[in-house]
N, C-alpha and C. Protein backbone atom coordinates (compact mmCIF):
# COMPACT_ATOMS: atom_id res chain seq x y z
N MET A 1 0.82 -1.20 -0.06
CA MET A 1 0.01 0.01 -0.08
C MET A 1 0.92 1.29 -0.01
N PRO A 2 0.47 2.48 -0.53
CA PRO A 2 1.25 3.66 -0.90
C PRO A 2 1.48 4.11 0.81
N VAL A 3 2.28 5.07 0.79
CA VAL A 3 2.61 5.93 1.99
C VAL A 3 2.24 7.30 1.92
N TYR A 4 1.49 7.85 2.63
CA TYR A 4 1.19 9.49 2.58
C TYR A 4 1.49 10.18 3.63
N ASP A 5 2.03 11.39 3.44
CA ASP A 5 2.42 12.39 4.73
C ASP A 5 1.04 13.08 5.08
N TYR A 6 1.25 13.17 6.43
CA TYR A 6 0.12 14.20 7.09
C TYR A 6 0.67 15.10 8.08
N GLN A 7 -0.02 16.12 8.41
CA GLN A 7 0.63 17.10 9.12
C GLN A 7 -0.45 17.29 10.38
N CYS A 8 0.02 17.03 11.50
CA CYS A 8 -0.80 17.30 12.81
C CYS A 8 -0.42 18.82 13.53
N ALA A 9 -1.52 19.37 13.80
CA ALA A 9 -1.23 20.81 14.18
C ALA A 9 -0.38 20.86 15.55
N ASP A 10 -0.52 19.87 16.48
CA ASP A 10 0.03 19.68 17.68
C ASP A 10 1.45 19.18 17.50
N CYS A 11 1.53 17.98 16.82
CA CYS A 11 2.73 17.10 17.06
C CYS A 11 3.68 17.07 15.71
N GLY A 12 3.09 17.69 14.65
CA GLY A 12 4.15 17.78 13.38
C GLY A 12 3.81 16.63 12.59
N GLY A 13 4.51 16.56 11.44
CA GLY A 13 4.26 15.57 10.51
C GLY A 13 4.61 14.13 10.89
N PHE A 14 3.81 13.17 10.15
CA PHE A 14 3.95 11.78 10.11
C PHE A 14 3.53 11.18 8.89
N GLU A 15 3.91 9.97 8.80
CA GLU A 15 3.37 9.36 7.42
C GLU A 15 2.74 7.93 7.84
N THR A 16 1.74 7.69 6.82
CA THR A 16 1.05 6.58 7.35
C THR A 16 0.80 5.89 5.86
N VAL A 17 0.39 4.23 6.02
CA VAL A 17 0.24 3.38 4.94
C VAL A 17 -1.15 3.40 4.85
N ARG A 18 -1.96 3.77 3.66
CA ARG A 18 -3.40 3.73 3.48
C ARG A 18 -3.68 3.40 2.02
N ARG A 19 -4.93 3.13 2.05
CA ARG A 19 -5.53 2.83 0.72
C ARG A 19 -5.49 4.09 -0.17
N ILE A 20 -5.48 3.94 -1.41
CA ILE A 20 -5.62 5.23 -2.38
C ILE A 20 -6.80 5.69 -2.22
N ALA A 21 -8.01 5.05 -1.96
CA ALA A 21 -9.34 5.53 -1.98
C ALA A 21 -9.42 6.54 -0.53
N GLU A 22 -8.51 6.43 0.41
CA GLU A 22 -8.49 6.76 1.65
C GLU A 22 -7.59 8.03 1.72
N ARG A 23 -6.71 8.32 0.65
CA ARG A 23 -5.59 9.20 0.83
C ARG A 23 -6.09 10.61 1.24
N ASP A 24 -7.11 11.24 0.85
CA ASP A 24 -7.26 12.56 0.96
C ASP A 24 -8.06 12.75 2.31
N GLU A 25 -8.64 11.62 2.94
CA GLU A 25 -9.17 11.66 4.11
C GLU A 25 -8.30 12.12 5.24
N PRO A 26 -8.65 12.87 6.29
CA PRO A 26 -7.92 13.13 7.43
C PRO A 26 -7.48 11.91 8.24
N ALA A 27 -6.45 11.71 8.65
CA ALA A 27 -5.77 10.60 9.14
C ALA A 27 -5.63 10.89 10.86
N PRO A 28 -5.67 10.08 11.62
CA PRO A 28 -5.38 10.15 13.08
C PRO A 28 -4.08 10.07 13.47
N CYS A 29 -3.63 11.25 14.31
CA CYS A 29 -2.06 11.23 14.63
C CYS A 29 -1.83 10.16 15.55
N PRO A 30 -0.71 9.65 15.18
CA PRO A 30 -0.42 8.47 15.87
C PRO A 30 0.17 8.82 17.54
N GLN A 31 0.33 10.06 17.86
CA GLN A 31 1.06 10.51 18.88
C GLN A 31 -0.33 10.87 19.80
N CYS A 32 -1.09 11.73 19.31
CA CYS A 32 -2.23 12.40 20.17
C CYS A 32 -3.58 11.92 19.68
N GLY A 33 -3.67 11.22 18.55
CA GLY A 33 -5.03 11.14 18.12
C GLY A 33 -5.83 12.11 17.48
N ASN A 34 -5.49 13.24 17.34
CA ASN A 34 -6.10 14.32 16.73
C ASN A 34 -6.05 14.18 15.32
N THR A 35 -7.15 14.48 14.48
CA THR A 35 -7.15 14.50 13.04
C THR A 35 -6.03 15.23 12.40
N ALA A 36 -5.45 14.73 11.33
CA ALA A 36 -4.63 15.52 10.29
C ALA A 36 -4.77 15.59 9.24
N ALA A 37 -4.52 16.76 8.49
CA ALA A 37 -4.80 16.81 6.93
C ALA A 37 -3.49 16.20 6.23
N ARG A 38 -3.81 15.69 4.91
CA ARG A 38 -2.77 15.25 4.33
C ARG A 38 -1.95 16.53 3.60
N VAL A 39 -0.58 16.19 3.44
CA VAL A 39 0.29 17.13 2.97
C VAL A 39 0.42 16.85 1.44
N VAL A 40 0.06 17.77 0.49
CA VAL A 40 0.34 17.55 -0.72
C VAL A 40 1.35 18.54 -1.41
N ILE A 41 2.57 18.19 -1.81
CA ILE A 41 3.53 18.95 -2.24
C ILE A 41 3.76 18.74 -3.67
N GLY A 42 3.75 19.51 -4.50
CA GLY A 42 4.16 19.25 -5.99
C GLY A 42 5.73 19.03 -6.15
N ALA A 43 6.02 18.09 -6.91
CA ALA A 43 7.32 17.62 -6.99
C ALA A 43 8.21 18.71 -7.97
N PRO A 44 9.22 19.16 -7.55
CA PRO A 44 10.13 19.98 -8.73
C PRO A 44 10.59 19.40 -9.93
N SER A 45 10.71 20.20 -10.70
CA SER A 45 11.15 19.76 -12.12
C SER A 45 12.83 19.76 -11.78
N VAL A 46 13.65 18.83 -12.21
CA VAL A 46 14.95 18.85 -11.97
C VAL A 46 15.49 18.28 -13.48
N GLY A 47 16.50 19.11 -13.84
CA GLY A 47 17.05 18.63 -15.09
C GLY A 47 16.46 19.00 -16.45
N GLY A 48 15.42 19.94 -16.24
CA GLY A 48 14.73 20.17 -17.50
C GLY A 48 13.70 19.16 -17.88
N GLY A 49 13.15 18.43 -17.07
CA GLY A 49 12.21 17.34 -17.40
C GLY A 49 10.88 18.15 -17.29
N SER A 50 9.72 17.29 -17.91
CA SER A 50 8.50 18.10 -17.72
C SER A 50 7.77 17.53 -16.54
N ALA A 51 6.57 18.33 -16.39
CA ALA A 51 5.85 17.59 -15.26
C ALA A 51 5.34 16.28 -15.30
N ASP A 52 5.01 15.82 -16.71
CA ASP A 52 4.53 14.60 -16.85
C ASP A 52 5.63 13.49 -16.30
N ASP A 53 7.23 13.80 -16.48
CA ASP A 53 8.27 12.86 -16.06
C ASP A 53 8.14 12.90 -14.55
N ALA A 54 7.98 13.83 -13.69
CA ALA A 54 7.94 13.78 -12.49
C ALA A 54 6.95 13.05 -11.91
N ARG A 55 5.48 13.23 -12.67
CA ARG A 55 4.53 12.63 -11.98
C ARG A 55 4.76 10.99 -12.13
N GLU A 56 5.40 10.77 -13.35
CA GLU A 56 5.72 9.29 -13.48
C GLU A 56 6.70 8.50 -12.33
N GLU A 57 7.49 9.39 -12.02
CA GLU A 57 8.33 8.79 -10.83
C GLU A 57 7.76 8.87 -9.63
N SER A 58 6.88 9.70 -9.31
CA SER A 58 6.22 9.46 -7.98
C SER A 58 4.98 8.66 -7.87
N GLY A 59 4.40 8.33 -9.02
CA GLY A 59 3.35 7.43 -9.18
C GLY A 59 2.15 8.28 -9.64
N SER A 60 1.14 7.64 -10.20
CA SER A 60 0.09 8.36 -10.89
C SER A 60 -1.03 9.08 -9.85
N TYR A 61 -0.75 8.73 -8.48
CA TYR A 61 -1.53 9.19 -7.41
C TYR A 61 -0.53 10.16 -6.34
N GLY A 62 0.53 10.72 -6.97
CA GLY A 62 1.35 11.39 -6.22
C GLY A 62 1.82 10.97 -4.81
N MET A 63 2.17 9.68 -4.79
CA MET A 63 2.36 8.84 -3.40
C MET A 63 3.61 8.24 -3.78
N ARG A 64 4.23 7.78 -2.60
CA ARG A 64 5.57 7.12 -2.42
C ARG A 64 5.25 5.59 -2.07
N HIS A 65 5.98 4.82 -2.35
CA HIS A 65 5.94 3.40 -2.07
C HIS A 65 7.10 2.80 -1.34
N ARG A 66 6.69 1.75 -0.50
CA ARG A 66 7.98 1.24 0.42
C ARG A 66 8.30 -0.13 -0.27
N GLY A 67 9.64 -0.33 0.03
CA GLY A 67 10.25 -1.56 -0.54
C GLY A 67 9.95 -2.22 -1.70
N GLY A 68 9.22 -3.36 -1.57
CA GLY A 68 8.53 -4.06 -2.57
C GLY A 68 7.35 -3.91 -3.14
N CYS A 69 7.02 -2.75 -3.11
CA CYS A 69 5.60 -2.27 -3.47
C CYS A 69 5.26 -2.81 -4.93
N ALA A 70 4.31 -3.51 -4.97
CA ALA A 70 3.91 -4.07 -6.48
C ALA A 70 2.70 -3.54 -6.91
N CYS A 71 1.99 -2.24 -6.35
CA CYS A 71 0.70 -2.20 -6.63
C CYS A 71 0.57 -0.82 -7.84
N CYS A 72 1.92 -0.65 -8.51
CA CYS A 72 1.86 0.15 -9.64
C CYS A 72 2.36 -0.66 -10.86
């Protein structure tokens, strides 16, 4: 499953593994339990590549994968 970044107002940033369908829903902070919004950051273009190239590297849903992920 993909890993997404979230930002708790009290505790700071954390990441969690979630289904793609749940990626935009608030996630509970693992430290305090408060709901946290997903952090969405656009990937910078490095080396003159196009935005399409950056999107392909990060996955079609703007997510990161762990280890032996075979979901894409």
